[in-house]
Amino acid sequence: MIREIRIPVDHGNRNIKTTSLIFTTGLNVLDKKPGRGEEYLRYEGKYYTLSEKRIPYQRDKTKDFRFFILTLFAIAKEIHQQKQILSEDVVQVQLPIGLPPKHFAELYEKYEEFFQGNGQVQELDYCGTKYHVVIQDTMAFPQDFAAMVTRLEKLTKIPKVVGIDIGGFTANYLLMRMGSPDIDYCDSLEMGIITMYNQIISDINSEYDVLLEEADIDSIVKGNTQYYDKAIVMAVEDKVQAFVIDLLHSIRERGIDTKTSYVVFIGGGAVLLKRFIEKTDRLGQYMFIENLRANAEGYGILYQMTKTKE
């Protein structure tokens, strides 16, 4: 039987997200089947497992075939949740995806072609269950705008809205006027959470001879400070606050005043930094979209809107 399924995928630098799943943007490639109980995907004779070690930042993800494999992993994981889909079925996948607004015009056709694959039925072996999958239709949309579409009824009534998506390696911003994106006011800044982590780890090591890990900074940022020396906690919190202020200043330097614009904070980085963002004096009215899968949900909405117009 032929089955159709829509699986939006958000290819983050830190995490891969669908509308129901989040997993790290990391992949191991194996020649042999992994051990019992380990989650794997077998595709074209090789075995793949997910890894907590992230793939280094890629501006153009079509240059690294691992992102296609991670997409297949996302598809297989989503299909596996659909108990009505059987291994003998042919699954036709509609694949809404996205990329930063700044790079959209340049790369969207390349992304659509890359993630479409060869357009043929492919066998995916997910943890011993075989699925026959064809990526039937791939369509790319701008990040940030996609997330804001999930709140479009509210945001279309506001004259000037800026979405700030704080991701793993980048912070993307996009201005929206009365519900329509203004591509003249968007950019992708290399000021993501991982960039912040790396700088803080280096500074703390240099200033205090203490080697922190990302998990330590996460813990401090979330307020779990009881395991750390007070001086280290204060230093980390000061550096996080400075990072947030620098980010908002960088956006203002590009012609967007976050005091006179309604600001929508998007992404896991924004949620993590919420208490530091709210301490700044650079904001007027704002909101947080705390759903980490909002871009993926928005891709699905935009895909449906596009197909309805055709």
Protein backbone atom coordinates (compact mmCIF):
# COMPACT_ATOMS: atom_id res chain seq x y z
CA MET A 1 0.00 0.00 0.00
CA ILE A 2 1.14 3.55 -0.74
CA ARG A 3 1.21 5.82 2.30
CA GLU A 4 1.73 9.58 2.31
CA ILE A 5 3.24 11.41 5.25
CA ARG A 6 4.48 14.97 5.79
CA ILE A 7 7.65 15.22 7.87
CA PRO A 8 9.00 18.77 8.38
CA VAL A 9 12.68 18.76 9.40
CA ASP A 10 14.62 21.63 10.98
CA HIS A 11 18.36 21.10 10.40
CA GLY A 12 19.83 22.93 13.37
CA ASN A 13 23.53 23.21 14.06
CA ARG A 14 22.95 21.81 17.53
CA ASN A 15 19.86 19.62 17.06
CA ILE A 16 17.74 18.05 14.34
CA LYS A 17 14.05 18.72 15.00
CA THR A 18 10.79 17.43 13.61
CA THR A 19 7.35 18.33 14.94
CA SER A 20 7.67 15.58 17.55
CA LEU A 21 11.39 14.75 17.90
CA ILE A 22 14.67 16.42 18.86
CA PHE A 23 18.08 14.75 18.61
CA THR A 24 21.68 15.94 18.44
CA THR A 25 23.19 16.86 15.08
CA GLY A 26 25.82 14.14 15.38
CA LEU A 27 26.39 10.90 13.47
CA ASN A 28 28.64 7.83 13.59
CA VAL A 29 29.33 5.81 10.45
CA LEU A 30 29.93 2.07 10.92
CA ASP A 31 30.78 -0.81 8.61
CA LYS A 32 29.28 -3.39 10.97
CA LYS A 33 25.97 -3.67 12.75
CA PRO A 34 26.08 -1.97 16.19
CA GLY A 35 25.54 -3.85 19.44
CA ARG A 36 22.22 -5.15 20.71
CA GLY A 37 19.79 -2.45 21.79
CA GLU A 38 21.59 0.43 20.06
CA GLU A 39 19.49 2.62 17.78
CA TYR A 40 20.73 2.49 14.19
CA LEU A 41 19.88 3.16 10.58
CA ARG A 42 21.16 0.95 7.77
CA TYR A 43 21.26 2.63 4.39
CA GLU A 44 23.07 1.53 1.21
CA GLY A 45 25.19 -1.04 3.03
CA LYS A 46 26.40 1.15 5.91
CA TYR A 47 25.21 1.48 9.48
CA TYR A 48 24.66 4.83 11.16
CA THR A 49 24.13 5.68 14.81
CA LEU A 50 23.39 9.02 16.42
CA SER A 51 26.11 10.76 18.39
CA GLU A 52 26.26 13.50 21.01
CA LYS A 53 29.37 14.83 19.24
CA ARG A 54 27.99 17.51 16.92
CA ILE A 55 29.00 17.93 13.30
CA PRO A 56 31.06 21.14 12.98
CA TYR A 57 29.14 24.21 11.85
CA GLN A 58 28.25 24.17 8.16
CA ARG A 59 26.87 27.29 6.51
CA ASP A 60 25.87 25.17 3.51
CA LYS A 61 24.70 21.80 4.79
CA THR A 62 24.49 20.33 1.29
CA LYS A 63 28.30 20.02 1.39
CA ASP A 64 28.13 17.30 4.05
CA PHE A 65 26.30 14.08 3.17
CA ARG A 66 25.81 13.36 6.87
CA PHE A 67 22.98 15.90 6.93
CA PHE A 68 21.12 13.83 4.35
CA ILE A 69 21.62 10.73 6.51
CA LEU A 70 20.37 12.64 9.57
CA THR A 71 17.30 13.57 7.53
CA LEU A 72 16.72 9.90 6.71
CA PHE A 73 17.15 9.15 10.43
CA ALA A 74 14.46 11.73 11.24
CA ILE A 75 12.16 10.26 8.57
CA ALA A 76 12.68 6.70 9.83
CA LYS A 77 12.09 7.70 13.46
CA GLU A 78 8.87 9.51 12.52
CA ILE A 79 7.61 6.64 10.38
CA HIS A 80 8.39 4.18 13.17
CA GLN A 81 5.95 6.07 15.38
CA GLN A 82 3.16 5.50 12.85
CA LYS A 83 2.02 2.00 13.77
CA GLN A 84 -0.33 1.82 10.79
CA ILE A 85 2.66 1.95 8.40
CA LEU A 86 3.93 -1.55 7.60
CA SER A 87 7.31 -2.59 6.27
CA GLU A 88 5.81 -3.67 2.92
CA ASP A 89 4.23 -0.23 2.36
CA VAL A 90 5.79 2.40 0.10
CA VAL A 91 5.95 5.65 2.06
CA GLN A 92 5.82 8.87 0.03
CA VAL A 93 7.33 11.67 2.11
CA GLN A 94 6.58 15.37 1.79
CA LEU A 95 9.64 17.11 3.26
CA PRO A 96 9.31 20.79 4.25
CA ILE A 97 12.72 22.12 5.38
CA GLY A 98 14.32 25.50 6.04
CA LEU A 99 17.44 27.61 6.15
CA PRO A 100 18.42 31.00 7.56
CA PRO A 101 16.64 33.98 5.92
CA LYS A 102 19.95 35.58 4.96
CA HIS A 103 20.93 32.53 2.90
CA PHE A 104 17.48 31.62 1.63
CA ALA A 105 17.55 33.18 -1.85
CA GLU A 106 21.05 31.86 -2.49
CA LEU A 107 20.61 28.29 -1.26
CA TYR A 108 16.96 27.20 -1.23
CA GLU A 109 17.05 25.49 -4.65
CA LYS A 110 20.28 23.73 -3.76
CA TYR A 111 18.78 22.54 -0.46
CA GLU A 112 15.63 21.26 -2.14
CA GLU A 113 17.65 19.29 -4.69
CA PHE A 114 20.05 17.87 -2.09
CA PHE A 115 17.46 16.73 0.44
CA GLN A 116 15.19 15.35 -2.29
CA GLY A 117 17.75 12.62 -2.88
CA ASN A 118 17.51 10.63 -6.08
CA GLY A 119 13.71 10.57 -6.11
CA GLN A 120 13.69 6.77 -6.06
CA VAL A 121 12.27 4.33 -3.53
CA GLN A 122 14.95 3.70 -0.90
CA GLU A 123 15.12 0.94 1.68
CA LEU A 124 15.75 2.13 5.22
CA ASP A 125 16.47 -0.42 7.92
CA TYR A 126 15.65 1.25 11.22
CA CYS A 127 16.62 -0.96 14.15
CA GLY A 128 15.68 -4.10 12.22
CA THR A 129 12.44 -2.81 10.68
CA LYS A 130 12.64 -2.13 6.96
CA TYR A 131 10.76 0.75 5.37
CA HIS A 132 10.49 1.63 1.68
CA VAL A 133 10.63 5.40 1.37
CA VAL A 134 10.60 7.90 -1.46
CA ILE A 135 11.07 11.61 -0.77
CA GLN A 136 8.37 12.83 -3.09
CA ASP A 137 8.43 16.59 -2.58
CA THR A 138 10.97 18.82 -0.82
CA MET A 139 10.26 22.51 -0.24
CA ALA A 140 12.40 25.01 1.69
CA PHE A 141 11.22 28.01 3.74
CA PRO A 142 12.96 30.74 5.78
CA GLN A 143 13.72 29.94 9.41
CA ASP A 144 12.45 32.44 11.99
CA PHE A 145 9.55 33.41 9.72
CA ALA A 146 8.44 29.78 9.92
CA ALA A 147 8.45 29.88 13.72
CA MET A 148 6.59 33.19 13.75
CA VAL A 149 3.94 31.73 11.42
CA THR A 150 2.87 29.54 14.35
CA ARG A 151 1.79 32.81 16.07
CA LEU A 152 0.76 34.64 12.91
CA GLU A 153 -2.75 35.58 14.05
CA LYS A 154 -1.26 37.76 16.80
CA LEU A 155 1.80 39.02 14.92
CA THR A 156 0.04 40.20 11.74
CA LYS A 157 -1.59 42.97 13.78
CA ILE A 158 1.77 44.44 14.85
CA PRO A 159 3.46 46.97 12.53
CA LYS A 160 7.04 45.85 13.15
CA VAL A 161 8.14 42.49 14.54
CA VAL A 162 11.69 41.16 14.72
CA GLY A 163 12.27 37.46 15.22
CA ILE A 164 15.55 36.55 16.91
CA ASP A 165 16.42 32.85 16.68
CA ILE A 166 19.35 31.96 18.95
CA GLY A 167 20.62 28.61 17.77
CA GLY A 168 23.74 26.53 18.18
CA PHE A 169 26.35 28.41 16.15
CA THR A 170 24.32 31.32 14.81
CA ALA A 171 21.76 33.86 15.87
CA ASN A 172 19.44 34.73 13.00
CA TYR A 173 17.13 37.72 12.91
CA LEU A 174 14.37 38.71 10.54
CA LEU A 175 12.09 41.74 10.44
CA MET A 176 8.41 41.21 9.71
CA ARG A 177 6.01 44.02 8.79
CA MET A 178 2.30 43.37 9.29
CA GLY A 179 2.87 39.65 8.90
CA SER A 180 5.15 39.78 5.84
CA PRO A 181 8.92 39.18 6.01
CA ASP A 182 11.22 42.08 5.06
CA ILE A 183 14.27 40.28 3.66
CA ASP A 184 16.21 43.58 3.53
CA TYR A 185 16.43 43.35 7.32
CA CYS A 186 17.77 39.92 8.11
CA ASP A 187 21.15 38.40 8.87
CA SER A 188 22.88 35.39 10.33
CA LEU A 189 25.35 36.29 13.07
CA GLU A 190 27.92 33.82 14.39
CA MET A 191 26.69 34.45 17.92
CA GLY A 192 25.00 31.18 18.87
CA ILE A 193 25.04 29.28 22.14
CA ILE A 194 28.03 27.11 21.19
CA THR A 195 30.02 30.22 20.29
CA MET A 196 29.19 31.60 23.73
CA TYR A 197 30.16 28.33 25.43
CA ASN A 198 33.53 28.24 23.69
CA GLN A 199 34.36 31.81 24.66
CA ILE A 200 33.34 31.32 28.31
CA ILE A 201 35.27 28.05 28.61
CA SER A 202 38.38 29.76 27.23
CA ASP A 203 37.99 32.84 29.48
CA ILE A 204 37.36 30.87 32.68
CA ASN A 205 40.32 28.60 32.00
CA SER A 206 42.54 31.62 31.40
CA GLU A 207 41.31 33.66 34.37
CA TYR A 208 40.70 30.97 37.01
CA ASP A 209 42.64 27.92 35.78
CA VAL A 210 39.35 25.99 35.85
CA LEU A 211 38.23 23.82 32.94
CA LEU A 212 34.46 23.96 32.51
CA GLU A 213 32.40 21.86 30.13
CA GLU A 214 29.29 22.94 28.25
CA ALA A 215 27.20 20.99 30.76
CA ASP A 216 28.65 23.10 33.59
CA ILE A 217 27.72 26.35 31.85
CA ASP A 218 24.26 24.96 31.11
CA SER A 219 23.84 24.14 34.79
CA ILE A 220 24.89 27.63 35.92
CA VAL A 221 22.72 29.36 33.30
CA LYS A 222 19.73 27.32 34.46
CA GLY A 223 20.34 28.40 38.05
CA ASN A 224 21.80 25.14 39.37
CA THR A 225 24.78 26.87 40.92
CA GLN A 226 25.23 24.93 44.17
CA TYR A 227 27.96 22.71 42.72
CA TYR A 228 30.30 25.55 41.76
CA ASP A 229 32.50 28.11 43.48
CA LYS A 230 30.69 31.44 43.86
CA ALA A 231 33.41 33.32 41.99
CA ILE A 232 33.05 30.98 39.01
CA VAL A 233 29.26 31.33 39.05
CA MET A 234 29.45 35.13 39.11
CA ALA A 235 32.03 35.17 36.32
CA VAL A 236 29.97 32.86 34.10
CA GLU A 237 26.76 34.81 34.70
CA ASP A 238 28.50 38.12 33.96
CA LYS A 239 29.86 36.73 30.69
CA VAL A 240 26.47 35.34 29.67
CA GLN A 241 24.85 38.72 30.38
CA ALA A 242 27.53 40.46 28.32
CA PHE A 243 26.93 38.03 25.46
CA VAL A 244 23.20 38.82 25.44
CA ILE A 245 23.81 42.58 25.48
CA ASP A 246 26.37 42.29 22.66
CA LEU A 247 23.88 40.31 20.58
CA LEU A 248 21.13 42.92 20.94
CA HIS A 249 23.60 45.73 20.22
CA SER A 250 24.78 43.90 17.09
CA ILE A 251 21.21 43.73 15.83
CA ARG A 252 20.68 47.43 16.57
CA GLU A 253 23.83 48.29 14.60
CA ARG A 254 22.14 46.67 11.61
CA GLY A 255 19.20 49.07 11.74
CA ILE A 256 16.71 47.29 14.02
CA ASP A 257 15.88 48.83 17.39
CA THR A 258 14.65 46.13 19.74
CA LYS A 259 13.05 48.82 21.92
CA THR A 260 10.65 50.02 19.24
CA SER A 261 10.08 46.63 17.60
CA TYR A 262 8.00 43.81 19.03
CA VAL A 263 10.63 41.11 19.58
CA VAL A 264 9.94 37.40 19.23
CA PHE A 265 12.65 35.19 20.72
CA ILE A 266 12.91 31.79 19.09
CA GLY A 267 14.99 28.66 19.59
CA GLY A 268 16.54 26.64 22.36
CA GLY A 269 19.24 29.24 22.92
CA ALA A 270 16.69 31.97 23.57
CA VAL A 271 14.80 29.75 26.03
CA LEU A 272 18.06 28.90 27.82
CA LEU A 273 19.04 32.58 28.10
CA LYS A 274 15.55 33.86 28.97
CA ARG A 275 16.37 35.20 32.45
CA PHE A 276 19.41 37.06 31.09
CA ILE A 277 17.50 38.47 28.12
CA GLU A 278 14.77 39.78 30.42
CA LYS A 279 17.38 41.65 32.53
CA THR A 280 18.51 43.84 29.66
CA ASP A 281 17.30 47.40 29.07
CA ARG A 282 17.26 46.96 25.29
CA LEU A 283 13.71 45.60 24.98
CA GLY A 284 10.25 47.07 24.59
CA GLN A 285 7.48 44.51 24.14
CA TYR A 286 8.49 40.92 23.48
CA MET A 287 7.50 37.28 23.67
CA PHE A 288 9.25 33.91 23.74
CA ILE A 289 8.23 31.00 21.54
CA GLU A 290 9.32 28.26 23.91
CA ASN A 291 8.42 25.38 21.63
CA LEU A 292 11.83 24.21 20.42
CA ARG A 293 10.19 22.58 17.39
CA ALA A 294 8.43 25.78 16.25
CA ASN A 295 10.44 26.14 13.02
CA ALA A 296 9.57 22.58 12.00
CA GLU A 297 5.90 23.21 12.76
CA GLY A 298 6.08 26.43 10.74
CA TYR A 299 7.60 24.63 7.74
CA GLY A 300 4.60 22.32 7.77
CA ILE A 301 2.17 25.25 7.92
CA LEU A 302 3.94 27.13 5.12
CA TYR A 303 4.05 23.98 2.99
CA GLN A 304 0.30 23.54 3.37
CA MET A 305 -0.34 27.22 2.60
CA THR A 306 1.84 26.99 -0.55
CA LYS A 307 0.17 23.84 -1.80
CA THR A 308 -3.29 25.30 -1.18
CA LYS A 309 -2.44 28.27 -3.44
CA GLU A 310 -1.21 26.05 -6.30
